[in-house]
Amino acid sequence: DEAFSISDRIAILDDGVIKQVGTPGDIYSNPANAFVASFIGDGNVI
């Protein structure tokens, strides 16, 4: 919530590497991979 409320862009990190970079809207609506999809907003991955 903190990241999405104040950022121009967000870089999502996991295991020492960047998984996706984008605006809050882009990342929420179009996650690039399963990690980002499940991490952001408790997204479901099937």
PDB file of all heavy atoms in Angstrom:
ATOM      1  N   ASP A   1       0.833  -1.203   0.000  1.00  0.00           N
ATOM      2  CA  ASP A   1       0.000   0.000   0.000  1.00  0.00           C
ATOM      3  C   ASP A   1       0.869   1.255   0.000  1.00  0.00           C
ATOM      4  O   ASP A   1       0.578   2.229  -0.702  1.00  0.00           O
ATOM      5  CB  ASP A   1      -0.925   0.007   1.218  1.00  0.00           C
ATOM      6  CG  ASP A   1      -1.999  -1.062   1.139  1.00  0.00           C
ATOM      7  OD1 ASP A   1      -2.336  -1.474   0.013  1.00  0.00           O
ATOM      8  OD2 ASP A   1      -2.493  -1.494   2.197  1.00  0.00           O
ATOM      9  N   GLU A   2       1.923   1.216   0.799  1.00  0.00           N
ATOM     10  CA  GLU A   2       2.846   2.343   0.866  1.00  0.00           C
ATOM     11  C   GLU A   2       3.480   2.600  -0.494  1.00  0.00           C
ATOM     12  O   GLU A   2       3.510   3.736  -0.982  1.00  0.00           O
ATOM     13  CB  GLU A   2       3.931   2.020   1.904  1.00  0.00           C
ATOM     14  CG  GLU A   2       4.701   3.194   2.438  1.00  0.00           C
ATOM     15  CD  GLU A   2       5.489   2.785   3.680  1.00  0.00           C
ATOM     16  OE1 GLU A   2       4.907   2.808   4.777  1.00  0.00           O
ATOM     17  OE2 GLU A   2       6.665   2.429   3.536  1.00  0.00           O
ATOM     18  N   ALA A   3       3.985   1.545  -1.106  1.00  0.00           N
ATOM     19  CA  ALA A   3       4.651   1.680  -2.401  1.00  0.00           C
ATOM     20  C   ALA A   3       3.706   2.217  -3.468  1.00  0.00           C
ATOM     21  O   ALA A   3       4.059   3.109  -4.249  1.00  0.00           O
ATOM     22  CB  ALA A   3       5.221   0.335  -2.834  1.00  0.00           C
ATOM     23  N   PHE A   4       2.490   1.699  -3.498  1.00  0.00           N
ATOM     24  CA  PHE A   4       1.547   2.084  -4.551  1.00  0.00           C
ATOM     25  C   PHE A   4       1.017   3.496  -4.358  1.00  0.00           C
ATOM     26  O   PHE A   4       0.618   4.146  -5.316  1.00  0.00           O
ATOM     27  CB  PHE A   4       0.396   1.080  -4.617  1.00  0.00           C
ATOM     28  CG  PHE A   4       0.700  -0.111  -5.479  1.00  0.00           C
ATOM     29  CD1 PHE A   4       1.671  -1.026  -5.116  1.00  0.00           C
ATOM     30  CD2 PHE A   4       0.025  -0.320  -6.668  1.00  0.00           C
ATOM     31  CE1 PHE A   4       1.973  -2.115  -5.906  1.00  0.00           C
ATOM     32  CE2 PHE A   4       0.309  -1.408  -7.475  1.00  0.00           C
ATOM     33  CZ  PHE A   4       1.290  -2.308  -7.088  1.00  0.00           C
ATOM     34  N   SER A   5       1.027   4.000  -3.143  1.00  0.00           N
ATOM     35  CA  SER A   5       0.443   5.321  -2.887  1.00  0.00           C
ATOM     36  C   SER A   5       1.393   6.469  -3.179  1.00  0.00           C
ATOM     37  O   SER A   5       0.940   7.595  -3.412  1.00  0.00           O
ATOM     38  CB  SER A   5      -0.030   5.409  -1.429  1.00  0.00           C
ATOM     39  OG  SER A   5       1.070   5.414  -0.538  1.00  0.00           O
ATOM     40  N   ILE A   6       2.695   6.225  -3.205  1.00  0.00           N
ATOM     41  CA  ILE A   6       3.635   7.346  -3.298  1.00  0.00           C
ATOM     42  C   ILE A   6       4.571   7.298  -4.494  1.00  0.00           C
ATOM     43  O   ILE A   6       5.255   8.277  -4.768  1.00  0.00           O
ATOM     44  CB  ILE A   6       4.486   7.455  -2.012  1.00  0.00           C
ATOM     45  CG1 ILE A   6       5.326   6.199  -1.803  1.00  0.00           C
ATOM     46  CG2 ILE A   6       3.626   7.745  -0.803  1.00  0.00           C
ATOM     47  CD1 ILE A   6       6.227   6.282  -0.574  1.00  0.00           C
ATOM     48  N   SER A   7       4.603   6.208  -5.245  1.00  0.00           N
ATOM     49  CA  SER A   7       5.672   6.010  -6.232  1.00  0.00           C
ATOM     50  C   SER A   7       5.287   6.463  -7.634  1.00  0.00           C
ATOM     51  O   SER A   7       4.135   6.324  -8.058  1.00  0.00           O
ATOM     52  CB  SER A   7       6.057   4.522  -6.296  1.00  0.00           C
ATOM     53  OG  SER A   7       6.318   4.009  -5.017  1.00  0.00           O
ATOM     54  N   ASP A   8       6.278   6.978  -8.358  1.00  0.00           N
ATOM     55  CA  ASP A   8       6.134   7.145  -9.805  1.00  0.00           C
ATOM     56  C   ASP A   8       6.251   5.784 -10.483  1.00  0.00           C
ATOM     57  O   ASP A   8       5.450   5.425 -11.344  1.00  0.00           O
ATOM     58  CB  ASP A   8       7.212   8.079 -10.354  1.00  0.00           C
ATOM     59  CG  ASP A   8       7.035   9.507  -9.885  1.00  0.00           C
ATOM     60  OD1 ASP A   8       5.887   9.986  -9.829  1.00  0.00           O
ATOM     61  OD2 ASP A   8       8.046  10.153  -9.563  1.00  0.00           O
ATOM     62  N   ARG A   9       7.292   5.044 -10.085  1.00  0.00           N
ATOM     63  CA  ARG A   9       7.473   3.671 -10.562  1.00  0.00           C
ATOM     64  C   ARG A   9       7.916   2.795  -9.401  1.00  0.00           C
ATOM     65  O   ARG A   9       8.423   3.278  -8.387  1.00  0.00           O
ATOM     66  CB  ARG A   9       8.519   3.594 -11.684  1.00  0.00           C
ATOM     67  CG  ARG A   9       8.069   4.158 -13.013  1.00  0.00           C
ATOM     68  CD  ARG A   9       9.043   3.796 -14.126  1.00  0.00           C
ATOM     69  NE  ARG A   9      10.377   4.322 -13.860  1.00  0.00           N
ATOM     70  CZ  ARG A   9      11.502   3.783 -14.335  1.00  0.00           C
ATOM     71  NH1 ARG A   9      11.467   2.675 -15.069  1.00  0.00           N
ATOM     72  NH2 ARG A   9      12.679   4.327 -14.061  1.00  0.00           N
ATOM     73  N   ILE A  10       7.731   1.488  -9.594  1.00  0.00           N
ATOM     74  CA  ILE A  10       8.095   0.505  -8.579  1.00  0.00           C
ATOM     75  C   ILE A  10       8.948  -0.573  -9.235  1.00  0.00           C
ATOM     76  O   ILE A  10       8.652  -1.024 -10.347  1.00  0.00           O
ATOM     77  CB  ILE A  10       6.839  -0.150  -7.969  1.00  0.00           C
ATOM     78  CG1 ILE A  10       5.974   0.909  -7.278  1.00  0.00           C
ATOM     79  CG2 ILE A  10       7.213  -1.259  -6.989  1.00  0.00           C
ATOM     80  CD1 ILE A  10       4.615   0.378  -6.840  1.00  0.00           C
ATOM     81  N   ALA A  11      10.025  -0.965  -8.536  1.00  0.00           N
ATOM     82  CA  ALA A  11      10.816  -2.123  -8.948  1.00  0.00           C
ATOM     83  C   ALA A  11      10.540  -3.241  -7.950  1.00  0.00           C
ATOM     84  O   ALA A  11      10.799  -3.082  -6.756  1.00  0.00           O
ATOM     85  CB  ALA A  11      12.305  -1.786  -8.987  1.00  0.00           C
ATOM     86  N   ILE A  12       9.994  -4.352  -8.425  1.00  0.00           N
ATOM     87  CA  ILE A  12       9.696  -5.500  -7.574  1.00  0.00           C
ATOM     88  C   ILE A  12      10.917  -6.399  -7.516  1.00  0.00           C
ATOM     89  O   ILE A  12      11.409  -6.866  -8.551  1.00  0.00           O
ATOM     90  CB  ILE A  12       8.501  -6.314  -8.111  1.00  0.00           C
ATOM     91  CG1 ILE A  12       7.301  -5.408  -8.372  1.00  0.00           C
ATOM     92  CG2 ILE A  12       8.149  -7.438  -7.153  1.00  0.00           C
ATOM     93  CD1 ILE A  12       6.632  -4.889  -7.163  1.00  0.00           C
ATOM     94  N   LEU A  13      11.424  -6.666  -6.294  1.00  0.00           N
ATOM     95  CA  LEU A  13      12.591  -7.522  -6.116  1.00  0.00           C
ATOM     96  C   LEU A  13      12.197  -8.820  -5.432  1.00  0.00           C
ATOM     97  O   LEU A  13      11.323  -8.848  -4.563  1.00  0.00           O
ATOM     98  CB  LEU A  13      13.670  -6.831  -5.273  1.00  0.00           C
ATOM     99  CG  LEU A  13      14.630  -5.882  -5.997  1.00  0.00           C
ATOM    100  CD1 LEU A  13      13.934  -4.575  -6.324  1.00  0.00           C
ATOM    101  CD2 LEU A  13      15.873  -5.626  -5.159  1.00  0.00           C
ATOM    102  N   ASP A  14      12.873  -9.882  -5.809  1.00  0.00           N
ATOM    103  CA  ASP A  14      12.760 -11.167  -5.112  1.00  0.00           C
ATOM    104  C   ASP A  14      14.043 -11.947  -5.346  1.00  0.00           C
ATOM    105  O   ASP A  14      14.574 -11.956  -6.474  1.00  0.00           O
ATOM    106  CB  ASP A  14      11.559 -11.968  -5.629  1.00  0.00           C
ATOM    107  CG  ASP A  14      11.392 -13.283  -4.887  1.00  0.00           C
ATOM    108  OD1 ASP A  14      11.382 -13.254  -3.635  1.00  0.00           O
ATOM    109  OD2 ASP A  14      11.270 -14.334  -5.541  1.00  0.00           O
ATOM    110  N   ASP A  15      14.549 -12.544  -4.291  1.00  0.00           N
ATOM    111  CA  ASP A  15      15.750 -13.369  -4.390  1.00  0.00           C
ATOM    112  C   ASP A  15      16.903 -12.620  -5.040  1.00  0.00           C
ATOM    113  O   ASP A  15      17.675 -13.197  -5.812  1.00  0.00           O
ATOM    114  CB  ASP A  15      15.425 -14.657  -5.159  1.00  0.00           C
ATOM    115  CG  ASP A  15      16.455 -15.748  -4.926  1.00  0.00           C
ATOM    116  OD1 ASP A  15      17.125 -15.728  -3.866  1.00  0.00           O
ATOM    117  OD2 ASP A  15      16.599 -16.634  -5.808  1.00  0.00           O
ATOM    118  N   GLY A  16      16.995 -11.319  -4.740  1.00  0.00           N
ATOM    119  CA  GLY A  16      18.140 -10.542  -5.188  1.00  0.00           C
ATOM    120  C   GLY A  16      18.083  -9.991  -6.586  1.00  0.00           C
ATOM    121  O   GLY A  16      19.043  -9.371  -7.040  1.00  0.00           O
ATOM    122  N   VAL A  17      16.975 -10.207  -7.299  1.00  0.00           N
ATOM    123  CA  VAL A  17      16.879  -9.697  -8.672  1.00  0.00           C
ATOM    124  C   VAL A  17      15.551  -8.963  -8.862  1.00  0.00           C
ATOM    125  O   VAL A  17      14.588  -9.184  -8.129  1.00  0.00           O
ATOM    126  CB  VAL A  17      17.008 -10.821  -9.724  1.00  0.00           C
ATOM    127  CG1 VAL A  17      18.380 -11.457  -9.658  1.00  0.00           C
ATOM    128  CG2 VAL A  17      15.915 -11.863  -9.536  1.00  0.00           C
ATOM    129  N   ILE A  18      15.525  -8.095  -9.864  1.00  0.00           N
ATOM    130  CA  ILE A  18      14.299  -7.359 -10.193  1.00  0.00           C
ATOM    131  C   ILE A  18      13.394  -8.237 -11.038  1.00  0.00           C
ATOM    132  O   ILE A  18      13.800  -8.757 -12.080  1.00  0.00           O
ATOM    133  CB  ILE A  18      14.639  -6.052 -10.935  1.00  0.00           C
ATOM    134  CG1 ILE A  18      15.372  -5.090 -10.000  1.00  0.00           C
ATOM    135  CG2 ILE A  18      13.370  -5.403 -11.475  1.00  0.00           C
ATOM    136  CD1 ILE A  18      15.826  -3.813 -10.668  1.00  0.00           C
ATOM    137  N   LYS A  19      12.151  -8.389 -10.605  1.00  0.00           N
ATOM    138  CA  LYS A  19      11.177  -9.194 -11.328  1.00  0.00           C
ATOM    139  C   LYS A  19      10.328  -8.375 -12.292  1.00  0.00           C
ATOM    140  O   LYS A  19       9.855  -8.888 -13.296  1.00  0.00           O
ATOM    141  CB  LYS A  19      10.255  -9.903 -10.336  1.00  0.00           C
ATOM    142  CG  LYS A  19      10.954 -10.906  -9.436  1.00  0.00           C
ATOM    143  CD  LYS A  19      11.487 -12.091 -10.212  1.00  0.00           C
ATOM    144  CE  LYS A  19      12.027 -13.169  -9.289  1.00  0.00           C
ATOM    145  NZ  LYS A  19      12.506 -14.355 -10.045  1.00  0.00           N
ATOM    146  N   GLN A  20      10.105  -7.105 -11.955  1.00  0.00           N
ATOM    147  CA  GLN A  20       9.328  -6.227 -12.838  1.00  0.00           C
ATOM    148  C   GLN A  20       9.529  -4.787 -12.408  1.00  0.00           C
ATOM    149  O   GLN A  20       9.667  -4.488 -11.227  1.00  0.00           O
ATOM    150  CB  GLN A  20       7.830  -6.583 -12.796  1.00  0.00           C
ATOM    151  CG  GLN A  20       6.982  -5.794 -13.794  1.00  0.00           C
ATOM    152  CD  GLN A  20       5.541  -6.268 -13.869  1.00  0.00           C
ATOM    153  OE1 GLN A  20       5.169  -7.243 -13.213  1.00  0.00           O
ATOM    154  NE2 GLN A  20       4.724  -5.601 -14.661  1.00  0.00           N
ATOM    155  N   VAL A  21       9.546  -3.895 -13.384  1.00  0.00           N
ATOM    156  CA  VAL A  21       9.595  -2.459 -13.134  1.00  0.00           C
ATOM    157  C   VAL A  21       8.450  -1.811 -13.901  1.00  0.00           C
ATOM    158  O   VAL A  21       8.230  -2.118 -15.079  1.00  0.00           O
ATOM    159  CB  VAL A  21      10.928  -1.839 -13.595  1.00  0.00           C
ATOM    160  CG1 VAL A  21      10.928  -0.333 -13.331  1.00  0.00           C
ATOM    161  CG2 VAL A  21      12.111  -2.501 -12.901  1.00  0.00           C
ATOM    162  N   GLY A  22       7.720  -0.923 -13.244  1.00  0.00           N
ATOM    163  CA  GLY A  22       6.629  -0.248 -13.930  1.00  0.00           C
ATOM    164  C   GLY A  22       5.900   0.704 -13.017  1.00  0.00           C
ATOM    165  O   GLY A  22       6.219   0.824 -11.831  1.00  0.00           O
ATOM    166  N   THR A  23       4.912   1.392 -13.566  1.00  0.00           N
ATOM    167  CA  THR A  23       4.070   2.241 -12.748  1.00  0.00           C
ATOM    168  C   THR A  23       3.193   1.363 -11.859  1.00  0.00           C
ATOM    169  O   THR A  23       2.978   0.175 -12.166  1.00  0.00           O
ATOM    170  CB  THR A  23       3.168   3.128 -13.611  1.00  0.00           C
ATOM    171  OG1 THR A  23       2.235   2.291 -14.321  1.00  0.00           O
ATOM    172  CG2 THR A  23       3.987   3.947 -14.603  1.00  0.00           C
ATOM    173  N   PRO A  24       2.682   1.902 -10.756  1.00  0.00           N
ATOM    174  CA  PRO A  24       1.790   1.094  -9.917  1.00  0.00           C
ATOM    175  C   PRO A  24       0.625   0.480 -10.706  1.00  0.00           C
ATOM    176  O   PRO A  24       0.298  -0.689 -10.529  1.00  0.00           O
ATOM    177  CB  PRO A  24       1.296   2.106  -8.870  1.00  0.00           C
ATOM    178  CG  PRO A  24       2.419   3.069  -8.741  1.00  0.00           C
ATOM    179  CD  PRO A  24       2.976   3.216 -10.129  1.00  0.00           C
ATOM    180  N   GLY A  25       0.027   1.265 -11.599  1.00  0.00           N
ATOM    181  CA  GLY A  25      -1.092   0.742 -12.382  1.00  0.00           C
ATOM    182  C   GLY A  25      -0.695  -0.389 -13.299  1.00  0.00           C
ATOM    183  O   GLY A  25      -1.398  -1.394 -13.420  1.00  0.00           O
ATOM    184  N   ASP A  26       0.456  -0.244 -13.958  1.00  0.00           N
ATOM    185  CA  ASP A  26       0.929  -1.293 -14.866  1.00  0.00           C
ATOM    186  C   ASP A  26       1.211  -2.589 -14.122  1.00  0.00           C
ATOM    187  O   ASP A  26       0.839  -3.682 -14.576  1.00  0.00           O
ATOM    188  CB  ASP A  26       2.207  -0.837 -15.583  1.00  0.00           C
ATOM    189  CG  ASP A  26       1.934   0.213 -16.647  1.00  0.00           C
ATOM    190  OD1 ASP A  26       0.768   0.338 -17.070  1.00  0.00           O
ATOM    191  OD2 ASP A  26       2.879   0.918 -17.041  1.00  0.00           O
ATOM    192  N   ILE A  27       1.878  -2.467 -12.989  1.00  0.00           N
ATOM    193  CA  ILE A  27       2.244  -3.667 -12.242  1.00  0.00           C
ATOM    194  C   ILE A  27       1.010  -4.378 -11.710  1.00  0.00           C
ATOM    195  O   ILE A  27       0.913  -5.606 -11.765  1.00  0.00           O
ATOM    196  CB  ILE A  27       3.210  -3.311 -11.096  1.00  0.00           C
ATOM    197  CG1 ILE A  27       4.597  -2.971 -11.678  1.00  0.00           C
ATOM    198  CG2 ILE A  27       3.333  -4.443 -10.085  1.00  0.00           C
ATOM    199  CD1 ILE A  27       5.597  -2.486 -10.663  1.00  0.00           C
ATOM    200  N   TYR A  28       0.051  -3.608 -11.215  1.00  0.00           N
ATOM    201  CA  TYR A  28      -1.155  -4.237 -10.669  1.00  0.00           C
ATOM    202  C   TYR A  28      -1.982  -4.904 -11.763  1.00  0.00           C
ATOM    203  O   TYR A  28      -2.457  -6.027 -11.593  1.00  0.00           O
ATOM    204  CB  TYR A  28      -2.013  -3.199  -9.938  1.00  0.00           C
ATOM    205  CG  TYR A  28      -3.153  -3.822  -9.167  1.00  0.00           C
ATOM    206  CD1 TYR A  28      -2.936  -4.368  -7.906  1.00  0.00           C
ATOM    207  CD2 TYR A  28      -4.432  -3.896  -9.711  1.00  0.00           C
ATOM    208  CE1 TYR A  28      -3.962  -4.962  -7.198  1.00  0.00           C
ATOM    209  CE2 TYR A  28      -5.463  -4.488  -9.012  1.00  0.00           C
ATOM    210  CZ  TYR A  28      -5.230  -5.015  -7.762  1.00  0.00           C
ATOM    211  OH  TYR A  28      -6.256  -5.620  -7.075  1.00  0.00           O
ATOM    212  N   SER A  29      -2.129  -4.220 -12.882  1.00  0.00           N
ATOM    213  CA  SER A  29      -3.006  -4.742 -13.940  1.00  0.00           C
ATOM    214  C   SER A  29      -2.330  -5.776 -14.822  1.00  0.00           C
ATOM    215  O   SER A  29      -3.004  -6.666 -15.355  1.00  0.00           O
ATOM    216  CB  SER A  29      -3.497  -3.577 -14.822  1.00  0.00           C
ATOM    217  OG  SER A  29      -4.227  -2.647 -14.072  1.00  0.00           O
ATOM    218  N   ASN A  30      -1.008  -5.680 -14.977  1.00  0.00           N
ATOM    219  CA  ASN A  30      -0.304  -6.567 -15.904  1.00  0.00           C
ATOM    220  C   ASN A  30       0.959  -7.135 -15.275  1.00  0.00           C
ATOM    221  O   ASN A  30       2.081  -6.794 -15.695  1.00  0.00           O
ATOM    222  CB  ASN A  30       0.052  -5.809 -17.193  1.00  0.00           C
ATOM    223  CG  ASN A  30      -1.174  -5.303 -17.921  1.00  0.00           C
ATOM    224  OD1 ASN A  30      -1.959  -6.090 -18.440  1.00  0.00           O
ATOM    225  ND2 ASN A  30      -1.343  -3.994 -17.952  1.00  0.00           N
ATOM    226  N   PRO A  31       0.825  -8.000 -14.270  1.00  0.00           N
ATOM    227  CA  PRO A  31       2.007  -8.615 -13.665  1.00  0.00           C
ATOM    228  C   PRO A  31       2.777  -9.411 -14.703  1.00  0.00           C
ATOM    229  O   PRO A  31       2.192 -10.102 -15.532  1.00  0.00           O
ATOM    230  CB  PRO A  31       1.423  -9.516 -12.572  1.00  0.00           C
ATOM    231  CG  PRO A  31       0.004  -9.763 -12.989  1.00  0.00           C
ATOM    232  CD  PRO A  31      -0.436  -8.523 -13.698  1.00  0.00           C
ATOM    233  N   ALA A  32       4.114  -9.321 -14.644  1.00  0.00           N
ATOM    234  CA  ALA A  32       4.947  -9.918 -15.682  1.00  0.00           C
ATOM    235  C   ALA A  32       5.179 -11.407 -15.485  1.00  0.00           C
ATOM    236  O   ALA A  32       5.541 -12.114 -16.426  1.00  0.00           O
ATOM    237  CB  ALA A  32       6.293  -9.201 -15.736  1.00  0.00           C
ATOM    238  N   ASN A  33       5.003 -11.894 -14.261  1.00  0.00           N
ATOM    239  CA  ASN A  33       5.308 -13.297 -13.981  1.00  0.00           C
ATOM    240  C   ASN A  33       4.529 -13.755 -12.752  1.00  0.00           C
ATOM    241  O   ASN A  33       3.831 -12.956 -12.105  1.00  0.00           O
ATOM    242  CB  ASN A  33       6.817 -13.474 -13.777  1.00  0.00           C
ATOM    243  CG  ASN A  33       7.388 -12.438 -12.808  1.00  0.00           C
ATOM    244  OD1 ASN A  33       7.022 -12.422 -11.633  1.00  0.00           O
ATOM    245  ND2 ASN A  33       8.252 -11.567 -13.304  1.00  0.00           N
ATOM    246  N   ALA A  34       4.668 -15.033 -12.432  1.00  0.00           N
ATOM    247  CA  ALA A  34       3.879 -15.619 -11.342  1.00  0.00           C
ATOM    248  C   ALA A  34       4.225 -15.012  -9.993  1.00  0.00           C
ATOM    249  O   ALA A  34       3.342 -14.830  -9.142  1.00  0.00           O
ATOM    250  CB  ALA A  34       4.079 -17.131 -11.315  1.00  0.00           C
ATOM    251  N   PHE A  35       5.511 -14.679  -9.769  1.00  0.00           N
ATOM    252  CA  PHE A  35       5.860 -14.094  -8.478  1.00  0.00           C
ATOM    253  C   PHE A  35       5.159 -12.767  -8.265  1.00  0.00           C
ATOM    254  O   PHE A  35       4.562 -12.516  -7.224  1.00  0.00           O
ATOM    255  CB  PHE A  35       7.371 -13.895  -8.346  1.00  0.00           C
ATOM    256  CG  PHE A  35       7.722 -13.106  -7.116  1.00  0.00           C
ATOM    257  CD1 PHE A  35       7.717 -13.717  -5.872  1.00  0.00           C
ATOM    258  CD2 PHE A  35       7.994 -11.745  -7.183  1.00  0.00           C
ATOM    259  CE1 PHE A  35       7.992 -12.985  -4.706  1.00  0.00           C
ATOM    260  CE2 PHE A  35       8.267 -11.005  -6.044  1.00  0.00           C
ATOM    261  CZ  PHE A  35       8.259 -11.632  -4.799  1.00  0.00           C
ATOM    262  N   VAL A  36       5.253 -11.876  -9.249  1.00  0.00           N
ATOM    263  CA  VAL A  36       4.618 -10.563  -9.117  1.00  0.00           C
ATOM    264  C   VAL A  36       3.108 -10.715  -8.972  1.00  0.00           C
ATOM    265  O   VAL A  36       2.475 -10.044  -8.146  1.00  0.00           O
ATOM    266  CB  VAL A  36       4.968  -9.664 -10.317  1.00  0.00           C
ATOM    267  CG1 VAL A  36       4.213  -8.339 -10.241  1.00  0.00           C
ATOM    268  CG2 VAL A  36       6.468  -9.412 -10.372  1.00  0.00           C
ATOM    269  N   ALA A  37       2.522 -11.606  -9.754  1.00  0.00           N
ATOM    270  CA  ALA A  37       1.067 -11.806  -9.690  1.00  0.00           C
ATOM    271  C   ALA A  37       0.617 -12.252  -8.312  1.00  0.00           C
ATOM    272  O   ALA A  37      -0.411 -11.794  -7.799  1.00  0.00           O
ATOM    273  CB  ALA A  37       0.642 -12.829 -10.735  1.00  0.00           C
ATOM    274  N   SER A  38       1.368 -13.140  -7.684  1.00  0.00           N
ATOM    275  CA  SER A  38       0.973 -13.654  -6.370  1.00  0.00           C
ATOM    276  C   SER A  38       1.353 -12.697  -5.248  1.00  0.00           C
ATOM    277  O   SER A  38       0.667 -12.626  -4.222  1.00  0.00           O
ATOM    278  CB  SER A  38       1.610 -15.021  -6.115  1.00  0.00           C
ATOM    279  OG  SER A  38       3.025 -14.943  -6.170  1.00  0.00           O
ATOM    280  N   PHE A  39       2.427 -11.910  -5.445  1.00  0.00           N
ATOM    281  CA  PHE A  39       2.899 -11.010  -4.406  1.00  0.00           C
ATOM    282  C   PHE A  39       2.049  -9.748  -4.302  1.00  0.00           C
ATOM    283  O   PHE A  39       1.725  -9.287  -3.211  1.00  0.00           O
ATOM    284  CB  PHE A  39       4.360 -10.633  -4.676  1.00  0.00           C
ATOM    285  CG  PHE A  39       4.940  -9.662  -3.682  1.00  0.00           C
ATOM    286  CD1 PHE A  39       5.154 -10.050  -2.366  1.00  0.00           C
ATOM    287  CD2 PHE A  39       5.267  -8.367  -4.060  1.00  0.00           C
ATOM    288  CE1 PHE A  39       5.696  -9.164  -1.436  1.00  0.00           C
ATOM    289  CE2 PHE A  39       5.806  -7.469  -3.141  1.00  0.00           C
ATOM    290  CZ  PHE A  39       6.016  -7.871  -1.827  1.00  0.00           C
ATOM    291  N   ILE A  40       1.672  -9.196  -5.429  1.00  0.00           N
ATOM    292  CA  ILE A  40       0.935  -7.929  -5.441  1.00  0.00           C
ATOM    293  C   ILE A  40      -0.553  -8.191  -5.240  1.00  0.00           C
ATOM    294  O   ILE A  40      -1.203  -8.862  -6.044  1.00  0.00           O
ATOM    295  CB  ILE A  40       1.168  -7.169  -6.761  1.00  0.00           C
ATOM    296  CG1 ILE A  40       2.638  -6.794  -6.899  1.00  0.00           C
ATOM    297  CG2 ILE A  40       0.283  -5.930  -6.832  1.00  0.00           C
ATOM    298  CD1 ILE A  40       3.152  -5.871  -5.822  1.00  0.00           C
ATOM    299  N   GLY A  41      -1.084  -7.641  -4.162  1.00  0.00           N
ATOM    300  CA  GLY A  41      -2.519  -7.729  -3.924  1.00  0.00           C
ATOM    301  C   GLY A  41      -3.043  -9.128  -3.698  1.00  0.00           C
ATOM    302  O   GLY A  41      -4.223  -9.403  -3.922  1.00  0.00           O
ATOM    303  N   ASP A  42      -2.172 -10.046  -3.249  1.00  0.00           N
ATOM    304  CA  ASP A  42      -2.595 -11.436  -3.032  1.00  0.00           C
ATOM    305  C   ASP A  42      -3.246 -12.033  -4.279  1.00  0.00           C
ATOM    306  O   ASP A  42      -4.262 -12.721  -4.206  1.00  0.00           O
ATOM    307  CB  ASP A  42      -3.565 -11.529  -1.853  1.00  0.00           C
ATOM    308  CG  ASP A  42      -2.913 -11.134  -0.542  1.00  0.00           C
ATOM    309  OD1 ASP A  42      -1.744 -11.490  -0.352  1.00  0.00           O
ATOM    310  OD2 ASP A  42      -3.569 -10.476   0.277  1.00  0.00           O
ATOM    311  N   GLY A  43      -2.654 -11.746  -5.439  1.00  0.00           N
ATOM    312  CA  GLY A  43      -3.224 -12.253  -6.684  1.00  0.00           C
ATOM    313  C   GLY A  43      -3.203 -13.768  -6.744  1.00  0.00           C
ATOM    314  O   GLY A  43      -2.315 -14.429  -6.212  1.00  0.00           O
ATOM    315  N   ASN A  44      -4.201 -14.330  -7.395  1.00  0.00           N
ATOM    316  CA  ASN A  44      -4.294 -15.778  -7.556  1.00  0.00           C
ATOM    317  C   ASN A  44      -3.530 -16.224  -8.794  1.00  0.00           C
ATOM    318  O   ASN A  44      -3.633 -15.597  -9.852  1.00  0.00           O
ATOM    319  CB  ASN A  44      -5.767 -16.187  -7.712  1.00  0.00           C
ATOM    320  CG  ASN A  44      -6.582 -15.833  -6.488  1.00  0.00           C
ATOM    321  OD1 ASN A  44      -6.262 -16.253  -5.384  1.00  0.00           O
ATOM    322  ND2 ASN A  44      -7.647 -15.053  -6.684  1.00  0.00           N
ATOM    323  N   VAL A  45      -2.776 -17.292  -8.662  1.00  0.00           N
ATOM    324  CA  VAL A  45      -2.069 -17.888  -9.788  1.00  0.00           C
ATOM    325  C   VAL A  45      -2.530 -19.328  -9.920  1.00  0.00           C
ATOM    326  O   VAL A  45      -2.439 -20.111  -8.976  1.00  0.00           O
ATOM    327  CB  VAL A  45      -0.540 -17.835  -9.596  1.00  0.00           C
ATOM    328  CG1 VAL A  45       0.170 -18.546 -10.744  1.00  0.00           C
ATOM    329  CG2 VAL A  45      -0.075 -16.385  -9.510  1.00  0.00           C
ATOM    330  N   ILE A  46      -3.056 -19.673 -11.090  1.00  0.00           N
ATOM    331  CA  ILE A  46      -3.572 -21.022 -11.338  1.00  0.00           C
ATOM    332  C   ILE A  46      -2.738 -21.670 -12.430  1.00  0.00           C
ATOM    333  O   ILE A  46      -2.595 -21.116 -13.528  1.00  0.00           O
ATOM    334  CB  ILE A  46      -5.052 -20.977 -11.767  1.00  0.00           C
ATOM    335  CG1 ILE A  46      -5.902 -20.292 -10.679  1.00  0.00           C
ATOM    336  CG2 ILE A  46      -5.575 -22.385 -12.046  1.00  0.00           C
ATOM    337  CD1 ILE A  46      -7.335 -20.044 -11.107  1.00  0.00           C
TER     338      ILE A  46
END
